[in-house]
């Protein structure tokens, strides 16, 4: 079944990221709580200590032609969210939104591409 192959490919990539990025300067890697179902890994998000580190990482990875992206803007900060909620502050949500990066993860990513991304990521993390 195609969905099983896609999920297996993404699970492999997530596993390689976890093995390779553990012990780096990152604040947090994805965690699967015990007893939870297996994720489909449509996103692999890493978290930095500060927004400035995230921004440096994004810039340096893009210079290496690796497409990484921010994860999300907290909804309460969007125009509609401000209209509904006013000037509400959610500091934890805002911090997470400012420090997450989405790593490349997709079915069909080759081992060579994965190795390139991991090697570049580790090098960049040592320089920021």
PDB file of N, CA and C in Angstrom:
ATOM      1  N   UNK A   1       0.846  -1.185   0.000  1.00  0.00           N
ATOM      2  CA  UNK A   1       0.000   0.000   0.000  1.00  0.00           C
ATOM      3  C   UNK A   1       0.890   1.247   0.000  1.00  0.00           C
ATOM      4  N   UNK A   2       0.533   2.221  -0.795  1.00  0.00           N
ATOM      5  CA  UNK A   2       1.353   3.414  -0.960  1.00  0.00           C
ATOM      6  C   UNK A   2       1.509   4.210   0.335  1.00  0.00           C
ATOM      7  N   UNK A   3       0.461   4.341   1.104  1.00  0.00           N
ATOM      8  CA  UNK A   3       0.551   5.116   2.352  1.00  0.00           C
ATOM      9  C   UNK A   3       1.509   4.455   3.331  1.00  0.00           C
ATOM     10  N   UNK A   4       1.538   3.132   3.356  1.00  0.00           N
ATOM     11  CA  UNK A   4       2.483   2.433   4.230  1.00  0.00           C
ATOM     12  C   UNK A   4       3.925   2.710   3.808  1.00  0.00           C
ATOM     13  N   UNK A   5       4.190   2.728   2.519  1.00  0.00           N
ATOM     14  CA  UNK A   5       5.537   3.025   2.024  1.00  0.00           C
ATOM     15  C   UNK A   5       5.935   4.461   2.369  1.00  0.00           C
ATOM     16  N   UNK A   6       5.016   5.392   2.177  1.00  0.00           N
ATOM     17  CA  UNK A   6       5.280   6.799   2.496  1.00  0.00           C
ATOM     18  C   UNK A   6       5.604   6.946   3.976  1.00  0.00           C
ATOM     19  N   UNK A   7       4.778   6.341   4.826  1.00  0.00           N
ATOM     20  CA  UNK A   7       5.012   6.442   6.268  1.00  0.00           C
ATOM     21  C   UNK A   7       6.328   5.777   6.670  1.00  0.00           C
ATOM     22  N   UNK A   8       6.637   4.654   6.047  1.00  0.00           N
ATOM     23  CA  UNK A   8       7.898   3.965   6.352  1.00  0.00           C
ATOM     24  C   UNK A   8       9.094   4.829   5.952  1.00  0.00           C
ATOM     25  N   UNK A   9       9.035   5.446   4.774  1.00  0.00           N
ATOM     26  CA  UNK A   9      10.110   6.342   4.327  1.00  0.00           C
ATOM     27  C   UNK A   9      10.304   7.493   5.312  1.00  0.00           C
ATOM     28  N   UNK A  10       9.215   8.141   5.694  1.00  0.00           N
ATOM     29  CA  UNK A  10       9.325   9.288   6.607  1.00  0.00           C
ATOM     30  C   UNK A  10       9.780   8.845   7.991  1.00  0.00           C
ATOM     31  N   UNK A  11       9.350   7.674   8.442  1.00  0.00           N
ATOM     32  CA  UNK A  11       9.787   7.160   9.735  1.00  0.00           C
ATOM     33  C   UNK A  11      11.303   6.924   9.738  1.00  0.00           C
ATOM     34  N   UNK A  12      11.822   6.414   8.639  1.00  0.00           N
ATOM     35  CA  UNK A  12      13.263   6.200   8.511  1.00  0.00           C
ATOM     36  C   UNK A  12      14.010   7.534   8.607  1.00  0.00           C
ATOM     37  N   UNK A  13      13.540   8.547   7.900  1.00  0.00           N
ATOM     38  CA  UNK A  13      14.177   9.860   7.925  1.00  0.00           C
ATOM     39  C   UNK A  13      14.145  10.435   9.336  1.00  0.00           C
ATOM     40  N   UNK A  14      12.999  10.352   9.988  1.00  0.00           N
ATOM     41  CA  UNK A  14      12.872  10.862  11.364  1.00  0.00           C
ATOM     42  C   UNK A  14      13.833  10.144  12.295  1.00  0.00           C
ATOM     43  N   UNK A  15      13.976   8.848  12.132  1.00  0.00           N
ATOM     44  CA  UNK A  15      14.887   8.063  12.963  1.00  0.00           C
ATOM     45  C   UNK A  15      16.335   8.499  12.743  1.00  0.00           C
ATOM     46  N   UNK A  16      16.703   8.724  11.496  1.00  0.00           N
ATOM     47  CA  UNK A  16      18.065   9.179  11.193  1.00  0.00           C
ATOM     48  C   UNK A  16      18.321  10.570  11.759  1.00  0.00           C
ATOM     49  N   UNK A  17      17.352  11.460  11.657  1.00  0.00           N
ATOM     50  CA  UNK A  17      17.497  12.788  12.265  1.00  0.00           C
ATOM     51  C   UNK A  17      17.699  12.650  13.777  1.00  0.00           C
ATOM     52  N   UNK A  18      16.862  11.857  14.408  1.00  0.00           N
ATOM     53  CA  UNK A  18      16.949  11.705  15.870  1.00  0.00           C
ATOM     54  C   UNK A  18      18.319  11.177  16.281  1.00  0.00           C
ATOM     55  N   UNK A  19      18.810  10.147  15.596  1.00  0.00           N
ATOM     56  CA  UNK A  19      20.123   9.575  15.915  1.00  0.00           C
ATOM     57  C   UNK A  19      21.240  10.594  15.706  1.00  0.00           C
ATOM     58  N   UNK A  20      21.142  11.341  14.645  1.00  0.00           N
ATOM     59  CA  UNK A  20      22.215  12.257  14.269  1.00  0.00           C
ATOM     60  C   UNK A  20      22.214  13.567  15.041  1.00  0.00           C
ATOM     61  N   UNK A  21      21.060  14.019  15.481  1.00  0.00           N
ATOM     62  CA  UNK A  21      20.966  15.345  16.099  1.00  0.00           C
ATOM     63  C   UNK A  21      20.904  15.309  17.620  1.00  0.00           C
ATOM     64  N   UNK A  22      20.818  14.123  18.202  1.00  0.00           N
ATOM     65  CA  UNK A  22      20.845  14.002  19.659  1.00  0.00           C
ATOM     66  C   UNK A  22      22.216  14.454  20.152  1.00  0.00           C
ATOM     67  N   UNK A  23      22.223  15.258  21.214  1.00  0.00           N
ATOM     68  CA  UNK A  23      23.486  15.717  21.785  1.00  0.00           C
ATOM     69  C   UNK A  23      24.024  16.991  21.151  1.00  0.00           C
ATOM     70  N   UNK A  24      23.263  17.614  20.275  1.00  0.00           N
ATOM     71  CA  UNK A  24      23.682  18.885  19.679  1.00  0.00           C
ATOM     72  C   UNK A  24      23.156  20.047  20.522  1.00  0.00           C
ATOM     73  N   UNK A  25      23.345  21.259  20.035  1.00  0.00           N
ATOM     74  CA  UNK A  25      22.914  22.447  20.773  1.00  0.00           C
ATOM     75  C   UNK A  25      21.403  22.673  20.733  1.00  0.00           C
ATOM     76  N   UNK A  26      20.683  21.825  20.042  1.00  0.00           N
ATOM     77  CA  UNK A  26      19.235  22.007  19.945  1.00  0.00           C
ATOM     78  C   UNK A  26      18.574  21.897  21.312  1.00  0.00           C
ATOM     79  N   UNK A  27      17.546  22.694  21.500  1.00  0.00           N
ATOM     80  CA  UNK A  27      16.798  22.646  22.761  1.00  0.00           C
ATOM     81  C   UNK A  27      15.927  21.405  22.834  1.00  0.00           C
ATOM     82  N   UNK A  28      15.353  21.019  21.685  1.00  0.00           N
ATOM     83  CA  UNK A  28      14.424  19.886  21.720  1.00  0.00           C
ATOM     84  C   UNK A  28      14.279  19.251  20.351  1.00  0.00           C
ATOM     85  N   UNK A  29      14.223  17.930  20.370  1.00  0.00           N
ATOM     86  CA  UNK A  29      13.870  17.129  19.199  1.00  0.00           C
ATOM     87  C   UNK A  29      12.474  16.567  19.439  1.00  0.00           C
ATOM     88  N   UNK A  30      11.798  16.099  18.423  1.00  0.00           N
ATOM     89  CA  UNK A  30      10.476  15.502  18.631  1.00  0.00           C
ATOM     90  C   UNK A  30      10.529  14.327  19.619  1.00  0.00           C
ATOM     91  N   UNK A  31       9.506  14.234  20.418  1.00  0.00           N
ATOM     92  CA  UNK A  31       9.393  13.159  21.412  1.00  0.00           C
ATOM     93  C   UNK A  31       8.048  12.474  21.204  1.00  0.00           C
ATOM     94  N   UNK A  32       8.073  11.150  21.227  1.00  0.00           N
ATOM     95  CA  UNK A  32       6.823  10.385  21.147  1.00  0.00           C
ATOM     96  C   UNK A  32       6.552   9.825  22.541  1.00  0.00           C
ATOM     97  N   UNK A  33       5.528  10.333  23.221  1.00  0.00           N
ATOM     98  CA  UNK A  33       5.224   9.825  24.568  1.00  0.00           C
ATOM     99  C   UNK A  33       4.878   8.334  24.535  1.00  0.00           C
ATOM    100  N   UNK A  34       5.272   7.637  25.594  1.00  0.00           N
ATOM    101  CA  UNK A  34       4.938   6.202  25.693  1.00  0.00           C
ATOM    102  C   UNK A  34       3.433   6.014  25.603  1.00  0.00           C
ATOM    103  N   UNK A  35       3.048   4.955  24.923  1.00  0.00           N
ATOM    104  CA  UNK A  35       1.635   4.629  24.811  1.00  0.00           C
ATOM    105  C   UNK A  35       0.924   5.343  23.670  1.00  0.00           C
ATOM    106  N   UNK A  36       1.626   6.232  22.985  1.00  0.00           N
ATOM    107  CA  UNK A  36       0.992   6.960  21.881  1.00  0.00           C
ATOM    108  C   UNK A  36       1.149   6.160  20.584  1.00  0.00           C
ATOM    109  N   UNK A  37       0.276   6.412  19.652  1.00  0.00           N
ATOM    110  CA  UNK A  37       0.391   5.757  18.351  1.00  0.00           C
ATOM    111  C   UNK A  37       1.587   6.333  17.608  1.00  0.00           C
ATOM    112  N   UNK A  38       2.077   5.600  16.639  1.00  0.00           N
ATOM    113  CA  UNK A  38       3.217   6.073  15.855  1.00  0.00           C
ATOM    114  C   UNK A  38       2.789   7.251  14.987  1.00  0.00           C
ATOM    115  N   UNK A  39       3.596   8.298  14.968  1.00  0.00           N
ATOM    116  CA  UNK A  39       3.255   9.443  14.103  1.00  0.00           C
ATOM    117  C   UNK A  39       3.524   9.106  12.645  1.00  0.00           C
ATOM    118  N   UNK A  40       2.954   9.880  11.749  1.00  0.00           N
ATOM    119  CA  UNK A  40       3.227   9.665  10.326  1.00  0.00           C
ATOM    120  C   UNK A  40       4.375  10.546   9.836  1.00  0.00           C
ATOM    121  N   UNK A  41       4.939  11.344  10.709  1.00  0.00           N
ATOM    122  CA  UNK A  41       6.106  12.171  10.418  1.00  0.00           C
ATOM    123  C   UNK A  41       5.921  13.063   9.196  1.00  0.00           C
ATOM    124  N   UNK A  42       4.759  13.679   9.074  1.00  0.00           N
ATOM    125  CA  UNK A  42       4.586  14.648   7.988  1.00  0.00           C
ATOM    126  C   UNK A  42       5.374  15.923   8.272  1.00  0.00           C
ATOM    127  N   UNK A  43       5.788  16.094   9.538  1.00  0.00           N
ATOM    128  CA  UNK A  43       6.629  17.220   9.957  1.00  0.00           C
ATOM    129  C   UNK A  43       7.700  16.668  10.889  1.00  0.00           C
ATOM    130  N   UNK A  44       8.916  17.164  10.745  1.00  0.00           N
ATOM    131  CA  UNK A  44       9.969  16.898  11.722  1.00  0.00           C
ATOM    132  C   UNK A  44      10.471  18.267  12.145  1.00  0.00           C
ATOM    133  N   UNK A  45      10.050  18.696  13.320  1.00  0.00           N
ATOM    134  CA  UNK A  45      10.384  20.031  13.810  1.00  0.00           C
ATOM    135  C   UNK A  45      11.434  19.940  14.911  1.00  0.00           C
ATOM    136  N   UNK A  46      12.442  20.799  14.796  1.00  0.00           N
ATOM    137  CA  UNK A  46      13.458  20.909  15.830  1.00  0.00           C
ATOM    138  C   UNK A  46      13.297  22.265  16.499  1.00  0.00           C
ATOM    139  N   UNK A  47      13.793  22.356  17.730  1.00  0.00           N
ATOM    140  CA  UNK A  47      13.590  23.593  18.475  1.00  0.00           C
ATOM    141  C   UNK A  47      14.919  24.142  18.975  1.00  0.00           C
ATOM    142  N   UNK A  48      15.074  25.440  18.838  1.00  0.00           N
ATOM    143  CA  UNK A  48      16.278  26.137  19.263  1.00  0.00           C
ATOM    144  C   UNK A  48      16.063  26.856  20.594  1.00  0.00           C
ATOM    145  N   UNK A  49      17.175  27.212  21.238  1.00  0.00           N
ATOM    146  CA  UNK A  49      17.101  27.936  22.510  1.00  0.00           C
ATOM    147  C   UNK A  49      16.500  29.328  22.325  1.00  0.00           C
ATOM    148  N   UNK A  50      16.878  29.999  21.232  1.00  0.00           N
ATOM    149  CA  UNK A  50      16.448  31.379  21.001  1.00  0.00           C
ATOM    150  C   UNK A  50      16.117  31.589  19.530  1.00  0.00           C
ATOM    151  N   UNK A  51      15.283  32.589  19.290  1.00  0.00           N
ATOM    152  CA  UNK A  51      14.896  32.965  17.929  1.00  0.00           C
ATOM    153  C   UNK A  51      16.116  33.312  17.090  1.00  0.00           C
ATOM    154  N   UNK A  52      17.091  33.994  17.677  1.00  0.00           N
ATOM    155  CA  UNK A  52      18.275  34.401  16.938  1.00  0.00           C
ATOM    156  C   UNK A  52      19.048  33.189  16.398  1.00  0.00           C
ATOM    157  N   UNK A  53      19.135  32.137  17.199  1.00  0.00           N
ATOM    158  CA  UNK A  53      19.805  30.917  16.745  1.00  0.00           C
ATOM    159  C   UNK A  53      19.017  30.265  15.618  1.00  0.00           C
ATOM    160  N   UNK A  54      17.699  30.244  15.778  1.00  0.00           N
ATOM    161  CA  UNK A  54      16.854  29.685  14.714  1.00  0.00           C
ATOM    162  C   UNK A  54      17.063  30.443  13.412  1.00  0.00           C
ATOM    163  N   UNK A  55      17.080  31.772  13.493  1.00  0.00           N
ATOM    164  CA  UNK A  55      17.229  32.585  12.290  1.00  0.00           C
ATOM    165  C   UNK A  55      18.584  32.368  11.621  1.00  0.00           C
ATOM    166  N   UNK A  56      19.647  32.245  12.411  1.00  0.00           N
ATOM    167  CA  UNK A  56      20.972  31.954  11.851  1.00  0.00           C
ATOM    168  C   UNK A  56      20.977  30.594  11.165  1.00  0.00           C
ATOM    169  N   UNK A  57      20.352  29.624  11.810  1.00  0.00           N
ATOM    170  CA  UNK A  57      20.270  28.276  11.241  1.00  0.00           C
ATOM    171  C   UNK A  57      19.534  28.307   9.902  1.00  0.00           C
ATOM    172  N   UNK A  58      18.394  28.968   9.860  1.00  0.00           N
ATOM    173  CA  UNK A  58      17.623  29.062   8.614  1.00  0.00           C
ATOM    174  C   UNK A  58      18.469  29.654   7.498  1.00  0.00           C
ATOM    175  N   UNK A  59      19.147  30.747   7.791  1.00  0.00           N
ATOM    176  CA  UNK A  59      19.961  31.433   6.781  1.00  0.00           C
ATOM    177  C   UNK A  59      21.081  30.534   6.269  1.00  0.00           C
ATOM    178  N   UNK A  60      21.810  29.913   7.175  1.00  0.00           N
ATOM    179  CA  UNK A  60      22.949  29.080   6.772  1.00  0.00           C
ATOM    180  C   UNK A  60      22.502  27.823   6.020  1.00  0.00           C
ATOM    181  N   UNK A  61      21.399  27.243   6.428  1.00  0.00           N
ATOM    182  CA  UNK A  61      20.912  26.054   5.710  1.00  0.00           C
ATOM    183  C   UNK A  61      20.441  26.426   4.302  1.00  0.00           C
ATOM    184  N   UNK A  62      19.787  27.553   4.172  1.00  0.00           N
ATOM    185  CA  UNK A  62      19.323  27.993   2.848  1.00  0.00           C
ATOM    186  C   UNK A  62      20.507  28.334   1.947  1.00  0.00           C
ATOM    187  N   UNK A  63      21.595  28.838   2.540  1.00  0.00           N
ATOM    188  CA  UNK A  63      22.812  29.089   1.757  1.00  0.00           C
ATOM    189  C   UNK A  63      23.359  27.783   1.187  1.00  0.00           C
ATOM    190  N   UNK A  64      23.067  26.671   1.854  1.00  0.00           N
ATOM    191  CA  UNK A  64      23.500  25.351   1.388  1.00  0.00           C
ATOM    192  C   UNK A  64      22.426  24.702   0.506  1.00  0.00           C
ATOM    193  N   UNK A  65      21.420  25.501   0.137  1.00  0.00           N
ATOM    194  CA  UNK A  65      20.324  25.053  -0.735  1.00  0.00           C
ATOM    195  C   UNK A  65      19.485  23.946  -0.094  1.00  0.00           C
ATOM    196  N   UNK A  66      19.325  24.048   1.222  1.00  0.00           N
ATOM    197  CA  UNK A  66      18.463  23.113   1.957  1.00  0.00           C
ATOM    198  C   UNK A  66      17.261  23.910   2.436  1.00  0.00           C
ATOM    199  N   UNK A  67      16.097  23.502   1.989  1.00  0.00           N
ATOM    200  CA  UNK A  67      14.882  24.237   2.338  1.00  0.00           C
ATOM    201  C   UNK A  67      14.381  23.817   3.715  1.00  0.00           C
ATOM    202  N   UNK A  68      14.592  24.701   4.646  1.00  0.00           N
ATOM    203  CA  UNK A  68      14.056  24.563   5.996  1.00  0.00           C
ATOM    204  C   UNK A  68      13.100  25.739   6.183  1.00  0.00           C
ATOM    205  N   UNK A  69      12.152  25.602   7.081  1.00  0.00           N
ATOM    206  CA  UNK A  69      11.191  26.693   7.242  1.00  0.00           C
ATOM    207  C   UNK A  69      10.779  26.830   8.696  1.00  0.00           C
ATOM    208  N   UNK A  70      10.228  28.001   8.990  1.00  0.00           N
ATOM    209  CA  UNK A  70       9.649  28.176  10.314  1.00  0.00           C
ATOM    210  C   UNK A  70       8.429  27.283  10.383  1.00  0.00           C
ATOM    211  N   UNK A  71       7.988  27.017  11.589  1.00  0.00           N
ATOM    212  CA  UNK A  71       6.904  26.049  11.719  1.00  0.00           C
ATOM    213  C   UNK A  71       5.539  26.709  11.645  1.00  0.00           C
ATOM    214  N   UNK A  72       5.283  27.659  12.491  1.00  0.00           N
ATOM    215  CA  UNK A  72       3.961  28.281  12.479  1.00  0.00           C
ATOM    216  C   UNK A  72       3.990  29.616  13.208  1.00  0.00           C
ATOM    217  N   UNK A  73       2.996  30.411  12.935  1.00  0.00           N
ATOM    218  CA  UNK A  73       2.749  31.640  13.683  1.00  0.00           C
ATOM    219  C   UNK A  73       1.598  31.336  14.617  1.00  0.00           C
ATOM    220  N   UNK A  74       1.775  31.557  15.921  1.00  0.00           N
ATOM    221  CA  UNK A  74       0.668  31.289  16.840  1.00  0.00           C
ATOM    222  C   UNK A  74      -0.610  32.007  16.388  1.00  0.00           C
ATOM    223  N   UNK A  75      -1.710  31.321  16.435  1.00  0.00           N
ATOM    224  CA  UNK A  75      -2.973  31.862  15.909  1.00  0.00           C
ATOM    225  C   UNK A  75      -3.402  33.158  16.586  1.00  0.00           C
ATOM    226  N   UNK A  76      -3.121  33.295  17.884  1.00  0.00           N
ATOM    227  CA  UNK A  76      -3.557  34.517  18.562  1.00  0.00           C
ATOM    228  C   UNK A  76      -2.793  35.753  18.072  1.00  0.00           C
ATOM    229  N   UNK A  77      -1.698  35.556  17.329  1.00  0.00           N
ATOM    230  CA  UNK A  77      -0.934  36.664  16.774  1.00  0.00           C
ATOM    231  C   UNK A  77      -1.334  37.017  15.353  1.00  0.00           C
ATOM    232  N   UNK A  78      -2.200  36.208  14.755  1.00  0.00           N
ATOM    233  CA  UNK A  78      -2.659  36.488  13.396  1.00  0.00           C
ATOM    234  C   UNK A  78      -3.687  37.625  13.437  1.00  0.00           C
ATOM    235  N   UNK A  79      -3.944  38.247  12.303  1.00  0.00           N
ATOM    236  CA  UNK A  79      -4.940  39.332  12.299  1.00  0.00           C
ATOM    237  C   UNK A  79      -6.296  38.902  12.876  1.00  0.00           C
ATOM    238  N   UNK A  80      -6.799  37.739  12.481  1.00  0.00           N
ATOM    239  CA  UNK A  80      -8.094  37.283  13.006  1.00  0.00           C
ATOM    240  C   UNK A  80      -7.982  36.950  14.492  1.00  0.00           C
ATOM    241  N   UNK A  81      -6.871  36.337  14.891  1.00  0.00           N
ATOM    242  CA  UNK A  81      -6.683  36.016  16.304  1.00  0.00           C
ATOM    243  C   UNK A  81      -6.676  37.255  17.175  1.00  0.00           C
ATOM    244  N   UNK A  82      -6.010  38.311  16.710  1.00  0.00           N
ATOM    245  CA  UNK A  82      -5.991  39.571  17.468  1.00  0.00           C
ATOM    246  C   UNK A  82      -7.389  40.180  17.519  1.00  0.00           C
ATOM    247  N   UNK A  83      -8.134  40.022  16.443  1.00  0.00           N
ATOM    248  CA  UNK A  83      -9.495  40.565  16.406  1.00  0.00           C
ATOM    249  C   UNK A  83     -10.381  39.847  17.429  1.00  0.00           C
ATOM    250  N   UNK A  84     -10.230  38.535  17.520  1.00  0.00           N
ATOM    251  CA  UNK A  84     -11.058  37.742  18.432  1.00  0.00           C
ATOM    252  C   UNK A  84     -10.572  37.836  19.875  1.00  0.00           C
ATOM    253  N   UNK A  85      -9.264  37.685  20.072  1.00  0.00           N
ATOM    254  CA  UNK A  85      -8.723  37.564  21.429  1.00  0.00           C
ATOM    255  C   UNK A  85      -8.154  38.863  21.985  1.00  0.00           C
ATOM    256  N   UNK A  86      -8.027  39.872  21.170  1.00  0.00           N
ATOM    257  CA  UNK A  86      -7.427  41.110  21.638  1.00  0.00           C
ATOM    258  C   UNK A  86      -5.917  40.964  21.762  1.00  0.00           C
ATOM    259  N   UNK A  87      -5.361  41.631  22.745  1.00  0.00           N
ATOM    260  CA  UNK A  87      -3.908  41.638  22.908  1.00  0.00           C
ATOM    261  C   UNK A  87      -3.455  40.590  23.909  1.00  0.00           C
ATOM    262  N   UNK A  88      -4.030  39.425  23.832  1.00  0.00           N
ATOM    263  CA  UNK A  88      -3.679  38.336  24.749  1.00  0.00           C
ATOM    264  C   UNK A  88      -2.215  37.947  24.543  1.00  0.00           C
ATOM    265  N   UNK A  89      -1.527  37.629  25.640  1.00  0.00           N
ATOM    266  CA  UNK A  89      -0.140  37.154  25.573  1.00  0.00           C
ATOM    267  C   UNK A  89      -0.128  35.691  25.980  1.00  0.00           C
ATOM    268  N   UNK A  90       0.522  34.888  25.181  1.00  0.00           N
ATOM    269  CA  UNK A  90       0.736  33.476  25.472  1.00  0.00           C
ATOM    270  C   UNK A  90       2.228  33.221  25.294  1.00  0.00           C
ATOM    271  N   UNK A  91       3.025  33.538  26.329  1.00  0.00           N
ATOM    272  CA  UNK A  91       4.482  33.527  26.176  1.00  0.00           C
ATOM    273  C   UNK A  91       5.077  32.183  25.765  1.00  0.00           C
ATOM    274  N   UNK A  92       4.562  31.088  26.264  1.00  0.00           N
ATOM    275  CA  UNK A  92       5.122  29.777  25.891  1.00  0.00           C
ATOM    276  C   UNK A  92       4.825  29.493  24.422  1.00  0.00           C
ATOM    277  N   UNK A  93       3.596  29.730  24.023  1.00  0.00           N
ATOM    278  CA  UNK A  93       3.210  29.527  22.624  1.00  0.00           C
ATOM    279  C   UNK A  93       4.046  30.405  21.705  1.00  0.00           C
ATOM    280  N   UNK A  94       4.249  31.655  22.102  1.00  0.00           N
ATOM    281  CA  UNK A  94       5.029  32.585  21.289  1.00  0.00           C
ATOM    282  C   UNK A  94       6.493  32.143  21.202  1.00  0.00           C
ATOM    283  N   UNK A  95       7.052  31.670  22.307  1.00  0.00           N
ATOM    284  CA  UNK A  95       8.441  31.195  22.295  1.00  0.00           C
ATOM    285  C   UNK A  95       8.598  29.976  21.385  1.00  0.00           C
ATOM    286  N   UNK A  96       7.681  29.050  21.499  1.00  0.00           N
ATOM    287  CA  UNK A  96       7.752  27.856  20.654  1.00  0.00           C
ATOM    288  C   UNK A  96       7.632  28.260  19.179  1.00  0.00           C
ATOM    289  N   UNK A  97       6.709  29.139  18.881  1.00  0.00           N
ATOM    290  CA  UNK A  97       6.535  29.600  17.509  1.00  0.00           C
ATOM    291  C   UNK A  97       7.779  30.273  16.950  1.00  0.00           C
ATOM    292  N   UNK A  98       8.538  30.938  17.806  1.00  0.00           N
ATOM    293  CA  UNK A  98       9.744  31.657  17.372  1.00  0.00           C
ATOM    294  C   UNK A  98      10.975  30.768  17.283  1.00  0.00           C
ATOM    295  N   UNK A  99      10.918  29.551  17.798  1.00  0.00           N
ATOM    296  CA  UNK A  99      12.129  28.736  17.887  1.00  0.00           C
ATOM    297  C   UNK A  99      12.053  27.400  17.142  1.00  0.00           C
ATOM    298  N   UNK A 100      10.946  27.110  16.502  1.00  0.00           N
ATOM    299  CA  UNK A 100      10.811  25.854  15.762  1.00  0.00           C
ATOM    300  C   UNK A 100      11.250  25.999  14.311  1.00  0.00           C
ATOM    301  N   UNK A 101      11.831  24.928  13.801  1.00  0.00           N
ATOM    302  CA  UNK A 101      12.216  24.834  12.385  1.00  0.00           C
ATOM    303  C   UNK A 101      11.737  23.492  11.860  1.00  0.00           C
ATOM    304  N   UNK A 102      11.174  23.521  10.686  1.00  0.00           N
ATOM    305  CA  UNK A 102      10.764  22.287  10.003  1.00  0.00           C
ATOM    306  C   UNK A 102      11.907  21.813   9.116  1.00  0.00           C
ATOM    307  N   UNK A 103      12.314  20.586   9.349  1.00  0.00           N
ATOM    308  CA  UNK A 103      13.374  19.970   8.555  1.00  0.00           C
ATOM    309  C   UNK A 103      12.770  19.306   7.322  1.00  0.00           C
ATOM    310  N   UNK A 104      13.568  19.125   6.272  1.00  0.00           N
ATOM    311  CA  UNK A 104      13.058  18.416   5.090  1.00  0.00           C
ATOM    312  C   UNK A 104      12.717  16.966   5.455  1.00  0.00           C
ATOM    313  N   UNK A 105      11.539  16.551   5.107  1.00  0.00           N
ATOM    314  CA  UNK A 105      11.128  15.161   5.324  1.00  0.00           C
ATOM    315  C   UNK A 105      10.019  14.850   4.329  1.00  0.00           C
ATOM    316  N   UNK A 106      10.298  13.886   3.476  1.00  0.00           N
ATOM    317  CA  UNK A 106       9.298  13.499   2.476  1.00  0.00           C
ATOM    318  C   UNK A 106       9.621  12.112   1.948  1.00  0.00           C
ATOM    319  N   UNK A 107       8.595  11.414   1.589  1.00  0.00           N
ATOM    320  CA  UNK A 107       8.773  10.094   0.983  1.00  0.00           C
ATOM    321  C   UNK A 107       9.536  10.275  -0.318  1.00  0.00           C
ATOM    322  N   UNK A 108      10.481   9.405  -0.554  1.00  0.00           N
ATOM    323  CA  UNK A 108      11.272   9.512  -1.764  1.00  0.00           C
ATOM    324  C   UNK A 108      12.571  10.276  -1.572  1.00  0.00           C
ATOM    325  N   UNK A 109      12.780  10.832  -0.386  1.00  0.00           N
ATOM    326  CA  UNK A 109      14.058  11.486  -0.098  1.00  0.00           C
ATOM    327  C   UNK A 109      15.138  10.409  -0.147  1.00  0.00           C
ATOM    328  N   UNK A 110      16.159  10.628  -0.951  1.00  0.00           N
ATOM    329  CA  UNK A 110      17.180   9.597  -1.110  1.00  0.00           C
ATOM    330  C   UNK A 110      18.134   9.576   0.083  1.00  0.00           C
ATOM    331  N   UNK A 111      18.852   8.487   0.224  1.00  0.00           N
ATOM    332  CA  UNK A 111      19.846   8.383   1.295  1.00  0.00           C
ATOM    333  C   UNK A 111      20.920   9.457   1.116  1.00  0.00           C
ATOM    334  N   UNK A 112      21.274   9.719  -0.110  1.00  0.00           N
ATOM    335  CA  UNK A 112      22.273  10.758  -0.390  1.00  0.00           C
ATOM    336  C   UNK A 112      21.774  12.134   0.048  1.00  0.00           C
ATOM    337  N   UNK A 113      20.526  12.441  -0.268  1.00  0.00           N
ATOM    338  CA  UNK A 113      19.943  13.721   0.154  1.00  0.00           C
ATOM    339  C   UNK A 113      19.879  13.811   1.679  1.00  0.00           C
ATOM    340  N   UNK A 114      19.447  12.727   2.300  1.00  0.00           N
ATOM    341  CA  UNK A 114      19.347  12.699   3.754  1.00  0.00           C
ATOM    342  C   UNK A 114      20.716  12.905   4.399  1.00  0.00           C
ATOM    343  N   UNK A 115      21.725  12.219   3.876  1.00  0.00           N
ATOM    344  CA  UNK A 115      23.078  12.366   4.401  1.00  0.00           C
ATOM    345  C   UNK A 115      23.581  13.799   4.242  1.00  0.00           C
ATOM    346  N   UNK A 116      23.286  14.408   3.105  1.00  0.00           N
ATOM    347  CA  UNK A 116      23.683  15.799   2.861  1.00  0.00           C
ATOM    348  C   UNK A 116      23.029  16.730   3.877  1.00  0.00           C
ATOM    349  N   UNK A 117      21.728  16.557   4.101  1.00  0.00           N
ATOM    350  CA  UNK A 117      21.007  17.414   5.055  1.00  0.00           C
ATOM    351  C   UNK A 117      21.559  17.227   6.467  1.00  0.00           C
ATOM    352  N   UNK A 118      21.774  16.001   6.879  1.00  0.00           N
ATOM    353  CA  UNK A 118      22.278  15.737   8.233  1.00  0.00           C
ATOM    354  C   UNK A 118      23.684  16.298   8.401  1.00  0.00           C
ATOM    355  N   UNK A 119      24.554  16.065   7.443  1.00  0.00           N
ATOM    356  CA  UNK A 119      25.927  16.578   7.532  1.00  0.00           C
ATOM    357  C   UNK A 119      25.924  18.101   7.595  1.00  0.00           C
ATOM    358  N   UNK A 120      25.152  18.733   6.743  1.00  0.00           N
ATOM    359  CA  UNK A 120      25.064  20.198   6.740  1.00  0.00           C
ATOM    360  C   UNK A 120      24.485  20.704   8.054  1.00  0.00           C
ATOM    361  N   UNK A 121      23.451  20.046   8.543  1.00  0.00           N
ATOM    362  CA  UNK A 121      22.818  20.462   9.798  1.00  0.00           C
ATOM    363  C   UNK A 121      23.823  20.427  10.938  1.00  0.00           C
ATOM    364  N   UNK A 122      24.557  19.345  11.055  1.00  0.00           N
ATOM    365  CA  UNK A 122      25.535  19.219  12.138  1.00  0.00           C
ATOM    366  C   UNK A 122      26.622  20.281  12.036  1.00  0.00           C
ATOM    367  N   UNK A 123      27.082  20.565  10.828  1.00  0.00           N
ATOM    368  CA  UNK A 123      28.101  21.612  10.632  1.00  0.00           C
ATOM    369  C   UNK A 123      27.555  22.976  11.014  1.00  0.00           C
ATOM    370  N   UNK A 124      26.354  23.283  10.562  1.00  0.00           N
ATOM    371  CA  UNK A 124      25.757  24.578  10.877  1.00  0.00           C
ATOM    372  C   UNK A 124      25.522  24.724  12.381  1.00  0.00           C
ATOM    373  N   UNK A 125      25.034  23.675  13.023  1.00  0.00           N
ATOM    374  CA  UNK A 125      24.782  23.753  14.464  1.00  0.00           C
ATOM    375  C   UNK A 125      26.068  24.035  15.250  1.00  0.00           C
ATOM    376  N   UNK A 126      27.199  23.603  14.744  1.00  0.00           N
ATOM    377  CA  UNK A 126      28.479  23.869  15.428  1.00  0.00           C
ATOM    378  C   UNK A 126      28.933  25.311  15.273  1.00  0.00           C
ATOM    379  N   UNK A 127      28.367  26.024  14.277  1.00  0.00           N
ATOM    380  CA  UNK A 127      28.832  27.386  13.997  1.00  0.00           C
ATOM    381  C   UNK A 127      27.921  28.480  14.541  1.00  0.00           C
ATOM    382  N   UNK A 128      26.765  28.118  15.014  1.00  0.00           N
ATOM    383  CA  UNK A 128      25.837  29.180  15.475  1.00  0.00           C
ATOM    384  C   UNK A 128      25.886  29.335  16.991  1.00  0.00           C
TER     385      UNK A 128
END
